[in-house]
Amino acid sequence: MDVDAALTDVCDRQYPVAYETVVQECDEGVVEFANGERMPLPEILEVIDDEPETFRSETELEAFVTSLLPEDAVGRKGYDDRGSAATESDETSF
C-alpha cells in the first residue's frame, strides 16, 4: 500500500492544510493496495461523515487516509516478516 506516494505525487501542500483543500486539489490521487488493487483518493474520502477541519502535517494526513482504507488494503492480517504469522495458539499468557 502506498498512501505516501498517492498524496505526495498529487497533493504536495503546505501544512497546515484544510480538509476541503485536500478534497478539491488532491482529487487525482490513487492509492495502490498490497494486492495490486487501486482506489482513487476521492473514493476513499467519501466515507467520512464528520470530516476534520485541517491536517497539521503530511504524517497526520497520511495516517487519516490510511485509517479509512478497507481492511484488505494493507495485505495479510497478522503477517510478520520476521518468521511466521502469530496465531491465537502462539500467544503467551503472563
C-alpha atoms as a PDB file:
ATOM      1  CA  MET A   1       0.000   0.000   0.000  1.00  0.00           C
ATOM      2  CA  ASP A   2       1.442   3.352  -0.927  1.00  0.00           C
ATOM      3  CA  VAL A   3      -0.570   6.182   0.598  1.00  0.00           C
ATOM      4  CA  ASP A   4       2.511   8.389   0.805  1.00  0.00           C
ATOM      5  CA  ALA A   5       3.131   8.246  -2.951  1.00  0.00           C
ATOM      6  CA  ALA A   6      -0.533   8.920  -3.741  1.00  0.00           C
ATOM      7  CA  LEU A   7      -0.516  12.023  -1.566  1.00  0.00           C
ATOM      8  CA  THR A   8       2.957  13.285  -2.494  1.00  0.00           C
ATOM      9  CA  ASP A   9       2.508  12.920  -6.253  1.00  0.00           C
ATOM     10  CA  VAL A  10      -0.695  14.963  -6.481  1.00  0.00           C
ATOM     11  CA  CYS A  11      -1.049  16.679  -3.140  1.00  0.00           C
ATOM     12  CA  ASP A  12       2.208  18.375  -2.281  1.00  0.00           C
ATOM     13  CA  ARG A  13       0.821  21.015   0.097  1.00  0.00           C
ATOM     14  CA  GLN A  14       1.992  23.411   2.742  1.00  0.00           C
ATOM     15  CA  TYR A  15       0.795  22.433   6.214  1.00  0.00           C
ATOM     16  CA  PRO A  16      -1.483  23.003   7.958  1.00  0.00           C
ATOM     17  CA  VAL A  17      -3.915  22.289   5.119  1.00  0.00           C
ATOM     18  CA  ALA A  18      -7.712  22.364   5.214  1.00  0.00           C
ATOM     19  CA  TYR A  19      -9.638  19.145   4.605  1.00  0.00           C
ATOM     20  CA  GLU A  20     -11.583  20.883   1.816  1.00  0.00           C
ATOM     21  CA  THR A  21      -8.322  21.818   0.095  1.00  0.00           C
ATOM     22  CA  VAL A  22      -7.244  18.176   0.123  1.00  0.00           C
ATOM     23  CA  VAL A  23     -10.601  17.101  -1.325  1.00  0.00           C
ATOM     24  CA  GLN A  24     -10.537  19.748  -4.060  1.00  0.00           C
ATOM     25  CA  GLU A  25      -6.874  19.744  -5.053  1.00  0.00           C
ATOM     26  CA  CYS A  26      -5.835  16.119  -4.492  1.00  0.00           C
ATOM     27  CA  ASP A  27      -8.661  14.505  -6.437  1.00  0.00           C
ATOM     28  CA  GLU A  28      -6.286  12.752  -8.854  1.00  0.00           C
ATOM     29  CA  GLY A  29      -4.538  10.736  -6.131  1.00  0.00           C
ATOM     30  CA  VAL A  30      -4.768   6.952  -6.369  1.00  0.00           C
ATOM     31  CA  VAL A  31      -3.732   4.571  -3.592  1.00  0.00           C
ATOM     32  CA  GLU A  32      -2.386   1.185  -4.663  1.00  0.00           C
ATOM     33  CA  PHE A  33      -3.087  -1.624  -2.199  1.00  0.00           C
ATOM     34  CA  ALA A  34      -0.766  -4.504  -1.329  1.00  0.00           C
ATOM     35  CA  ASN A  35      -2.842  -6.825  -3.553  1.00  0.00           C
ATOM     36  CA  GLY A  36      -2.451  -4.516  -6.588  1.00  0.00           C
ATOM     37  CA  GLU A  37      -5.962  -3.072  -6.390  1.00  0.00           C
ATOM     38  CA  ARG A  38      -6.175   0.699  -6.794  1.00  0.00           C
ATOM     39  CA  MET A  39      -8.632   3.159  -5.233  1.00  0.00           C
ATOM     40  CA  PRO A  40      -8.943   6.871  -6.063  1.00  0.00           C
ATOM     41  CA  LEU A  41      -8.425   9.224  -3.121  1.00  0.00           C
ATOM     42  CA  PRO A  42     -11.886  10.844  -3.558  1.00  0.00           C
ATOM     43  CA  GLU A  43     -13.497   7.393  -3.224  1.00  0.00           C
ATOM     44  CA  ILE A  44     -11.565   6.781  -0.010  1.00  0.00           C
ATOM     45  CA  LEU A  45     -12.566  10.152   1.445  1.00  0.00           C
ATOM     46  CA  GLU A  46     -16.265   9.830   0.595  1.00  0.00           C
ATOM     47  CA  VAL A  47     -16.868   7.532   3.587  1.00  0.00           C
ATOM     48  CA  ILE A  48     -16.334  10.426   6.012  1.00  0.00           C
ATOM     49  CA  ASP A  49     -19.370  11.671   7.934  1.00  0.00           C
ATOM     50  CA  ASP A  50     -17.594  14.157  10.183  1.00  0.00           C
ATOM     51  CA  GLU A  51     -14.515  15.415   8.372  1.00  0.00           C
ATOM     52  CA  PRO A  52     -11.657  17.126  10.197  1.00  0.00           C
ATOM     53  CA  GLU A  53     -11.088  20.829   9.614  1.00  0.00           C
ATOM     54  CA  THR A  54      -7.339  20.710   8.991  1.00  0.00           C
ATOM     55  CA  PHE A  55      -4.303  18.453   8.898  1.00  0.00           C
ATOM     56  CA  ARG A  56      -1.242  19.780  10.715  1.00  0.00           C
ATOM     57  CA  SER A  57       1.280  17.638   8.852  1.00  0.00           C
ATOM     58  CA  GLU A  58       1.752  15.220   5.988  1.00  0.00           C
ATOM     59  CA  THR A  59       2.084  12.420   8.538  1.00  0.00           C
ATOM     60  CA  GLU A  60      -1.301  13.315  10.041  1.00  0.00           C
ATOM     61  CA  LEU A  61      -2.953  13.340   6.604  1.00  0.00           C
ATOM     62  CA  GLU A  62      -1.347  10.018   5.653  1.00  0.00           C
ATOM     63  CA  ALA A  63      -2.472   8.383   8.918  1.00  0.00           C
ATOM     64  CA  PHE A  64      -6.003   9.699   8.389  1.00  0.00           C
ATOM     65  CA  VAL A  65      -6.242   8.314   4.851  1.00  0.00           C
ATOM     66  CA  THR A  66      -4.726   5.001   5.946  1.00  0.00           C
ATOM     67  CA  SER A  67      -7.349   4.680   8.689  1.00  0.00           C
ATOM     68  CA  LEU A  68     -10.090   4.891   6.046  1.00  0.00           C
ATOM     69  CA  LEU A  69      -8.783   2.097   3.835  1.00  0.00           C
ATOM     70  CA  PRO A  70     -10.513  -1.269   3.660  1.00  0.00           C
ATOM     71  CA  GLU A  71      -9.016  -3.988   5.858  1.00  0.00           C
ATOM     72  CA  ASP A  72      -7.598  -5.951   2.911  1.00  0.00           C
ATOM     73  CA  ALA A  73      -5.705  -2.893   1.605  1.00  0.00           C
ATOM     74  CA  VAL A  74      -2.689  -3.417   3.837  1.00  0.00           C
ATOM     75  CA  GLY A  75      -2.009  -7.040   2.964  1.00  0.00           C
ATOM     76  CA  ARG A  76      -2.301 -10.161   5.063  1.00  0.00           C
ATOM     77  CA  LYS A  77      -3.741  -9.539   8.506  1.00  0.00           C
ATOM     78  CA  GLY A  78      -1.331 -10.586  11.252  1.00  0.00           C
ATOM     79  CA  TYR A  79       1.583 -11.012   8.843  1.00  0.00           C
ATOM     80  CA  ASP A  80       5.035 -10.812  10.386  1.00  0.00           C
ATOM     81  CA  ASP A  81       8.051 -10.740   8.074  1.00  0.00           C
ATOM     82  CA  ARG A  82      10.304 -11.974  10.883  1.00  0.00           C
ATOM     83  CA  GLY A  83       9.148 -15.543  10.647  1.00  0.00           C
ATOM     84  CA  SER A  84       5.653 -16.891  10.902  1.00  0.00           C
ATOM     85  CA  ALA A  85       2.409 -15.082  11.445  1.00  0.00           C
ATOM     86  CA  ALA A  86       1.238 -15.080  15.046  1.00  0.00           C
ATOM     87  CA  THR A  87      -1.870 -17.080  15.788  1.00  0.00           C
ATOM     88  CA  GLU A  88      -4.034 -17.271  18.871  1.00  0.00           C
ATOM     89  CA  SER A  89      -2.356 -20.535  19.880  1.00  0.00           C
ATOM     90  CA  ASP A  90       1.086 -18.863  19.671  1.00  0.00           C
ATOM     91  CA  GLU A  91       0.218 -16.158  22.196  1.00  0.00           C
ATOM     92  CA  THR A  92       1.847 -16.330  25.601  1.00  0.00           C
ATOM     93  CA  SER A  93      -0.160 -15.575  28.712  1.00  0.00           C
ATOM     94  CA  PHE A  94       1.541 -13.789  31.600  1.00  0.00           C
END
